[in-house]
C-alpha cells in the first residue's frame, strides 16, 4: 500500500478493475518486488479491500526472451524498412518482433511511439537506443501505453515509477477506435497457420487451444484504420512435427482450428520468402500471392490443391 492507501496492480492492469467491480469479497496479496506503474485504473484503495495477505518480497517470475532465429531475422529484414518516422508500434511476443526491434535500433528511423497490448523487452531496447520518443503520438504523447508487461527484471525496473510509461485497462489499449487515433500505427503479430484465402489461425492447434485470442484482431483493424497504418502477420513458412517438415500455409485450416483474424482483415503477410499485401485481392490473387511466399518445396502442391478446390479458375496465371 502506498502513502495514500492504494494497492497498485503493477504490470498487469488488463481487466483487474472490471473484475473487482463485480467481486463480492476482495482479497489483496502484496508483493514487495512488484513494480509500481502509473496509469489509468491501475490501483485499488484499501477502503475497498476486505482482506490483505503479506506476500513477502520474493522475486517476480521472468519471461525468457528467445534469441531470433535466421528465419526471424529474414522476416524482420522485410518489415523494418516499412516502418516510418513517427510510427506507433504494437509488437507481439517472440523472436520475430525482437528481431524487428534490433533492426530498428540500427536504422535511421526516429520518433517512434508505443501503444501496445503487451510491453516486451525489445521495446526497452528501442528506448535505450533513442528511437522511442512518442513525440508524434496523438493520444498519450511522449508516453508508452500498454495493458500488461511480461519480461525480464530489467523491464520491471524500467516501468517502476516511470512517468514515461502508462498502464491502462485493456478496453482502452485494445479498442480499435483508440488505436486508430494515432497516425502510422504498425501492428506486428505472429500466426501459426494461414489458409490460401488468408485466414489466420493464431490461438489453437486443431481443437487444442495454445493461447487466448488476445488483441491481435483489434490491433490489425486499428492499424489498418490508422492514417498511414500497416499491419503485418508473420509466420515461418514451415514447422516440424515428428521429424516431418510441414507448411504453415495450407489449402484449408486444420480441423477445429480457430480463425483469429479473418481474411477480410489481413493486410501484409510475411514469411522468410517474401511479403505480400492481401488487401483488395480476389481469392485467386490471394492464392497466387500466398503460394509465392510459401516454402518452395510446397508451392507446386499448394497451387495444385487450390485449383482442385476451385480457388483458382482454369487458365489463371
Protein backbone atom coordinates (compact mmCIF):
# COMPACT_ATOMS: atom_id res chain seq x y z
CA UNK A 1 0.00 0.00 0.00
CA UNK A 2 1.30 3.45 -0.87
CA UNK A 3 1.15 6.55 1.31
CA UNK A 4 -2.34 7.38 0.03
CA UNK A 5 -3.82 3.95 0.79
CA UNK A 6 -3.69 2.46 -2.72
CA UNK A 7 -2.55 -1.00 -3.80
CA UNK A 8 -1.01 -0.82 -7.28
CA UNK A 9 -1.64 -3.61 -9.81
CA UNK A 10 1.94 -3.47 -11.11
CA UNK A 11 2.50 -4.54 -14.70
CA UNK A 12 -0.90 -6.21 -15.16
CA UNK A 13 -3.66 -3.63 -15.47
CA UNK A 14 -5.70 -5.60 -18.08
CA UNK A 15 -9.22 -6.09 -16.62
CA UNK A 16 -8.40 -6.05 -12.88
CA UNK A 17 -10.66 -3.12 -12.10
CA UNK A 18 -13.57 -4.62 -14.03
CA UNK A 19 -13.27 -7.87 -12.03
CA UNK A 20 -13.07 -6.01 -8.73
CA UNK A 21 -16.26 -4.10 -9.56
CA UNK A 22 -18.08 -7.45 -9.78
CA UNK A 23 -16.48 -9.13 -6.76
CA UNK A 24 -18.35 -9.69 -3.50
CA UNK A 25 -15.13 -10.12 -1.50
CA UNK A 26 -11.73 -8.65 -2.36
CA UNK A 27 -8.50 -10.17 -1.09
CA UNK A 28 -5.21 -8.43 -1.92
CA UNK A 29 -1.87 -10.22 -1.76
CA UNK A 30 1.07 -7.83 -1.56
CA UNK A 31 4.39 -8.28 -3.35
CA UNK A 32 7.32 -6.04 -2.48
CA UNK A 33 9.09 -6.88 -5.74
CA UNK A 34 6.17 -5.71 -7.91
CA UNK A 35 6.89 -2.59 -9.98
CA UNK A 36 4.70 0.43 -9.25
CA UNK A 37 3.10 1.56 -12.51
CA UNK A 38 1.43 4.90 -13.20
CA UNK A 39 -1.65 4.91 -15.40
CA UNK A 40 -5.40 4.55 -15.55
CA UNK A 41 -7.44 2.22 -13.30
CA UNK A 42 -4.10 0.90 -12.08
CA UNK A 43 -4.89 0.51 -8.36
CA UNK A 44 -7.47 -0.16 -5.65
CA UNK A 45 -7.95 1.74 -2.40
CA UNK A 46 -7.68 -0.01 0.96
CA UNK A 47 -11.25 1.06 1.79
CA UNK A 48 -12.49 -1.32 -0.94
CA UNK A 49 -10.44 -4.29 0.31
CA UNK A 50 -11.75 -6.98 2.68
CA UNK A 51 -8.51 -8.84 3.46
CA UNK A 52 -4.77 -8.34 2.87
CA UNK A 53 -2.19 -11.12 2.70
CA UNK A 54 1.51 -10.32 3.08
CA UNK A 55 3.13 -11.92 0.04
CA UNK A 56 6.70 -11.12 1.08
CA UNK A 57 9.47 -9.95 -1.20
CA UNK A 58 10.11 -12.98 -3.42
CA UNK A 59 11.27 -12.01 -6.94
CA UNK A 60 8.74 -11.90 -9.77
CA UNK A 61 8.74 -14.62 -12.42
CA UNK A 62 10.59 -13.58 -15.56
CA UNK A 63 9.69 -14.37 -19.14
CA UNK A 64 12.58 -15.59 -21.26
CA UNK A 65 13.37 -13.75 -24.47
CA UNK A 66 14.06 -16.25 -27.25
CA UNK A 67 17.01 -15.37 -29.45
CA UNK A 68 15.92 -14.57 -33.02
CA UNK A 69 16.43 -17.42 -35.48
CA UNK A 70 17.67 -16.99 -39.04
CA UNK A 71 14.03 -17.11 -40.18
CA UNK A 72 13.10 -14.41 -37.66
CA UNK A 73 15.87 -12.15 -38.93
CA UNK A 74 14.85 -12.65 -42.56
CA UNK A 75 11.24 -11.77 -41.77
CA UNK A 76 12.35 -8.75 -39.73
CA UNK A 77 14.52 -7.54 -42.61
CA UNK A 78 11.39 -7.31 -44.78
CA UNK A 79 9.31 -5.47 -42.18
CA UNK A 80 11.80 -2.95 -40.78
CA UNK A 81 12.07 -0.81 -43.97
CA UNK A 82 8.26 -0.42 -43.93
CA UNK A 83 8.36 1.44 -40.60
CA UNK A 84 8.49 5.21 -41.00
CA UNK A 85 9.49 8.09 -38.74
CA UNK A 86 6.79 8.71 -36.15
CA UNK A 87 5.25 5.24 -36.45
CA UNK A 88 3.32 3.98 -33.41
CA UNK A 89 4.17 0.35 -32.66
CA UNK A 90 2.29 -2.65 -31.37
CA UNK A 91 4.54 -5.69 -31.19
CA UNK A 92 3.71 -9.22 -30.10
CA UNK A 93 5.90 -11.68 -28.28
CA UNK A 94 8.57 -13.88 -29.86
CA UNK A 95 11.81 -13.90 -31.79
CA UNK A 96 10.43 -12.12 -34.87
CA UNK A 97 9.32 -8.96 -33.05
CA UNK A 98 12.61 -8.91 -31.14
CA UNK A 99 14.49 -9.10 -34.44
CA UNK A 100 12.45 -6.19 -35.85
CA UNK A 101 13.39 -4.03 -32.86
CA UNK A 102 17.05 -4.92 -33.27
CA UNK A 103 16.99 -3.78 -36.90
CA UNK A 104 15.11 -0.60 -35.99
CA UNK A 105 17.85 0.27 -33.49
CA UNK A 106 20.32 0.09 -36.38
CA UNK A 107 18.10 2.08 -38.77
CA UNK A 108 17.74 5.87 -39.24
CA UNK A 109 14.06 5.82 -38.16
CA UNK A 110 13.14 8.21 -35.34
CA UNK A 111 10.36 9.46 -33.06
CA UNK A 112 8.66 6.09 -32.69
CA UNK A 113 5.71 5.71 -30.34
CA UNK A 114 4.37 2.75 -28.36
CA UNK A 115 0.69 1.84 -27.96
CA UNK A 116 0.51 -1.89 -27.38
CA UNK A 117 -1.25 -4.66 -25.52
CA UNK A 118 1.90 -6.32 -24.22
CA UNK A 119 5.08 -4.48 -23.30
CA UNK A 120 8.11 -6.59 -24.22
CA UNK A 121 11.83 -6.26 -23.51
CA UNK A 122 12.59 -5.38 -27.13
CA UNK A 123 10.68 -2.13 -26.68
CA UNK A 124 13.01 -1.17 -23.84
CA UNK A 125 15.89 -1.71 -26.28
CA UNK A 126 14.24 0.82 -28.62
CA UNK A 127 14.08 3.33 -25.78
CA UNK A 128 17.71 2.76 -24.85
CA UNK A 129 18.89 3.31 -28.42
CA UNK A 130 16.94 6.57 -28.65
CA UNK A 131 14.30 5.52 -31.17
CA UNK A 132 11.21 5.95 -28.96
CA UNK A 133 10.08 9.45 -28.04
CA UNK A 134 6.31 9.32 -28.57
CA UNK A 135 6.53 12.93 -29.73
CA UNK A 136 4.25 12.39 -32.73
CA UNK A 137 1.51 10.43 -30.96
CA UNK A 138 -1.95 11.98 -30.95
CA UNK A 139 -3.06 10.07 -27.85
CA UNK A 140 -0.86 9.91 -24.75
CA UNK A 141 2.03 11.78 -26.42
CA UNK A 142 5.52 11.07 -25.04
CA UNK A 143 4.20 8.04 -23.14
CA UNK A 144 4.48 4.29 -23.77
CA UNK A 145 0.99 2.82 -23.35
CA UNK A 146 0.39 -0.86 -22.53
CA UNK A 147 -2.05 -3.04 -20.62
CA UNK A 148 0.32 -5.73 -19.31
CA UNK A 149 4.07 -6.17 -19.11
CA UNK A 150 5.86 -9.51 -19.09
CA UNK A 151 9.59 -9.90 -19.44
CA UNK A 152 12.84 -9.61 -17.53
CA UNK A 153 13.78 -7.93 -14.26
CA UNK A 154 15.26 -5.17 -16.43
CA UNK A 155 11.81 -4.47 -17.85
CA UNK A 156 10.17 -4.44 -14.42
CA UNK A 157 12.79 -1.97 -13.18
CA UNK A 158 12.16 0.20 -16.23
CA UNK A 159 8.40 0.54 -15.66
CA UNK A 160 8.71 1.04 -11.88
CA UNK A 161 7.56 4.60 -11.06
CA UNK A 162 8.50 5.69 -14.57
CA UNK A 163 6.33 8.61 -15.72
CA UNK A 164 7.25 7.74 -19.31
CA UNK A 165 5.09 4.59 -19.21
CA UNK A 166 1.32 4.39 -18.75
CA UNK A 167 -0.52 1.21 -17.82
CA UNK A 168 -4.17 1.22 -18.93
CA UNK A 169 -7.10 -1.22 -18.92
CA UNK A 170 -7.45 -3.45 -21.95
CA UNK A 171 -10.65 -1.78 -23.09
CA UNK A 172 -8.59 1.39 -23.58
CA UNK A 173 -5.46 -0.04 -25.17
CA UNK A 174 -7.17 -2.56 -27.47
CA UNK A 175 -10.19 -0.62 -28.68
CA UNK A 176 -9.68 -0.14 -32.45
CA UNK A 177 -11.26 3.32 -32.22
CA UNK A 178 -8.48 4.32 -29.80
CA UNK A 179 -5.68 2.60 -31.72
CA UNK A 180 -6.56 4.32 -35.00
CA UNK A 181 -6.32 7.82 -33.49
CA UNK A 182 -2.55 7.65 -33.80
CA UNK A 183 -1.01 8.01 -37.25
CA UNK A 184 1.17 5.36 -38.90
CA UNK A 185 0.24 2.61 -36.44
CA UNK A 186 2.26 -0.53 -37.16
CA UNK A 187 0.92 -3.83 -35.82
CA UNK A 188 3.30 -6.83 -35.90
CA UNK A 189 1.92 -10.21 -34.84
CA UNK A 190 2.64 -13.91 -35.30
CA UNK A 191 0.28 -16.58 -36.57
CA UNK A 192 0.62 -20.36 -36.54
CA UNK A 193 -1.27 -21.29 -39.70
CA UNK A 194 -2.82 -19.48 -42.66
CA UNK A 195 -5.03 -20.86 -45.40
CA UNK A 196 -4.80 -19.84 -49.05
CA UNK A 197 -7.63 -17.33 -48.64
CA UNK A 198 -5.77 -15.50 -45.88
CA UNK A 199 -7.49 -16.71 -42.71
CA UNK A 200 -5.01 -16.55 -39.80
CA UNK A 201 -5.24 -19.16 -37.02
CA UNK A 202 -3.11 -17.92 -34.13
CA UNK A 203 -4.53 -19.49 -30.99
CA UNK A 204 -5.10 -23.21 -31.47
CA UNK A 205 -3.66 -26.36 -32.98
CA UNK A 206 -6.76 -28.09 -34.22
CA UNK A 207 -9.10 -28.45 -31.26
CA UNK A 208 -6.25 -27.87 -28.76
CA UNK A 209 -6.00 -24.27 -27.60
CA UNK A 210 -2.47 -22.93 -27.18
CA UNK A 211 -3.35 -19.33 -26.27
CA UNK A 212 -6.23 -16.92 -25.89
CA UNK A 213 -7.47 -14.77 -28.72
CA UNK A 214 -5.58 -11.76 -27.37
CA UNK A 215 -5.65 -8.39 -29.07
CA UNK A 216 -4.38 -9.46 -32.48
CA UNK A 217 -7.56 -8.74 -34.44
CA UNK A 218 -8.19 -5.45 -32.64
CA UNK A 219 -4.73 -4.15 -33.48
CA UNK A 220 -4.94 -5.42 -37.07
CA UNK A 221 -8.14 -3.41 -37.51
CA UNK A 222 -6.87 -0.39 -35.61
CA UNK A 223 -3.65 -0.25 -37.61
CA UNK A 224 -5.43 -0.51 -40.96
CA UNK A 225 -7.83 2.30 -39.99
CA UNK A 226 -4.96 4.50 -38.81
CA UNK A 227 -3.78 7.15 -41.31
CA UNK A 228 -0.74 5.56 -42.95
CA UNK A 229 -1.08 2.47 -40.76
CA UNK A 230 0.05 -1.06 -41.61
CA UNK A 231 -0.47 -4.48 -40.07
CA UNK A 232 1.90 -7.40 -40.54
CA UNK A 233 1.08 -11.07 -39.97
CA UNK A 234 4.31 -13.05 -39.59
CA UNK A 235 4.94 -16.77 -39.80
CA UNK A 236 7.77 -19.13 -40.59
CA UNK A 237 6.95 -20.93 -43.83
CA UNK A 238 7.33 -24.40 -42.25
CA UNK A 239 7.44 -26.28 -38.96
CA UNK A 240 8.44 -29.81 -37.99
CA UNK A 241 6.26 -32.47 -36.40
CA UNK A 242 7.59 -35.94 -35.63
CA UNK A 243 10.56 -35.33 -37.89
CA UNK A 244 8.39 -34.28 -40.84
CA UNK A 245 8.51 -30.78 -42.30
CA UNK A 246 5.09 -29.24 -42.93
CA UNK A 247 3.88 -26.00 -44.46
CA UNK A 248 2.25 -23.32 -42.32
CA UNK A 249 0.49 -22.00 -45.42
CA UNK A 250 -2.17 -24.59 -46.18
CA UNK A 251 -5.09 -25.08 -48.62
CA UNK A 252 -7.52 -25.24 -45.66
CA UNK A 253 -7.05 -24.79 -41.93
CA UNK A 254 -6.69 -27.91 -39.80
CA UNK A 255 -9.98 -29.31 -38.48
CA UNK A 256 -11.00 -27.41 -35.36
CA UNK A 257 -8.51 -24.59 -35.86
CA UNK A 258 -9.84 -21.24 -34.66
CA UNK A 259 -9.74 -18.25 -37.01
CA UNK A 260 -8.16 -15.40 -35.05
CA UNK A 261 -8.00 -12.85 -37.87
CA UNK A 262 -10.47 -13.17 -40.78
CA UNK A 263 -9.25 -12.94 -44.35
CA UNK A 264 -11.06 -9.62 -44.80
CA UNK A 265 -8.83 -8.01 -42.16
CA UNK A 266 -5.40 -9.45 -43.02
CA UNK A 267 -3.11 -6.91 -44.69
CA UNK A 268 0.59 -7.78 -45.07
CA UNK A 269 1.68 -11.42 -44.70
CA UNK A 270 5.38 -12.09 -44.23
CA UNK A 271 7.49 -15.26 -44.30
CA UNK A 272 11.22 -15.65 -44.81
CA UNK A 273 10.46 -15.94 -48.55
CA UNK A 274 8.76 -12.61 -49.02
CA UNK A 275 5.96 -10.20 -48.16
CA UNK A 276 2.55 -9.78 -49.83
CA UNK A 277 -0.37 -7.43 -49.29
CA UNK A 278 -3.73 -9.24 -49.44
CA UNK A 279 -5.93 -6.14 -49.22
CA UNK A 280 -8.18 -5.73 -52.25
CA UNK A 281 -7.18 -9.06 -53.82
CA UNK A 282 -9.59 -11.65 -55.22
CA UNK A 283 -9.46 -15.21 -53.91
CA UNK A 284 -7.37 -16.34 -56.89
CA UNK A 285 -4.98 -13.42 -56.43
CA UNK A 286 -4.66 -14.23 -52.73
CA UNK A 287 -3.81 -17.83 -53.55
CA UNK A 288 -1.13 -16.75 -56.01
CA UNK A 289 0.34 -14.27 -53.53
CA UNK A 290 0.47 -16.71 -50.61
CA UNK A 291 1.90 -19.53 -52.70
CA UNK A 292 4.70 -17.16 -53.73
CA UNK A 293 5.87 -16.78 -50.10
CA UNK A 294 5.36 -20.42 -49.07
CA UNK A 295 8.37 -22.71 -48.81
CA UNK A 296 9.49 -23.63 -52.37
CA UNK A 297 9.07 -27.35 -51.61
CA UNK A 298 5.31 -26.87 -51.10
CA UNK A 299 4.39 -24.32 -53.77
CA UNK A 300 3.51 -26.73 -56.58
CA UNK A 301 1.37 -28.85 -54.26
CA UNK A 302 -0.42 -25.80 -52.83
CA UNK A 303 -1.25 -24.44 -56.27
CA UNK A 304 -2.48 -27.84 -57.46
CA UNK A 305 -4.77 -28.22 -54.44
CA UNK A 306 -6.04 -24.66 -54.91
CA UNK A 307 -7.11 -25.48 -58.45
CA UNK A 308 -8.73 -28.75 -57.35
CA UNK A 309 -10.69 -26.85 -54.69
CA UNK A 310 -11.69 -24.27 -57.33
CA UNK A 311 -9.94 -21.42 -55.52
CA UNK A 312 -8.21 -20.61 -58.81
CA UNK A 313 -10.02 -20.76 -62.16
CA UNK A 314 -8.53 -22.66 -65.05
CA UNK A 315 -6.14 -20.54 -67.07
CA UNK A 316 -5.48 -18.12 -64.17
CA UNK A 317 -1.79 -17.20 -64.17
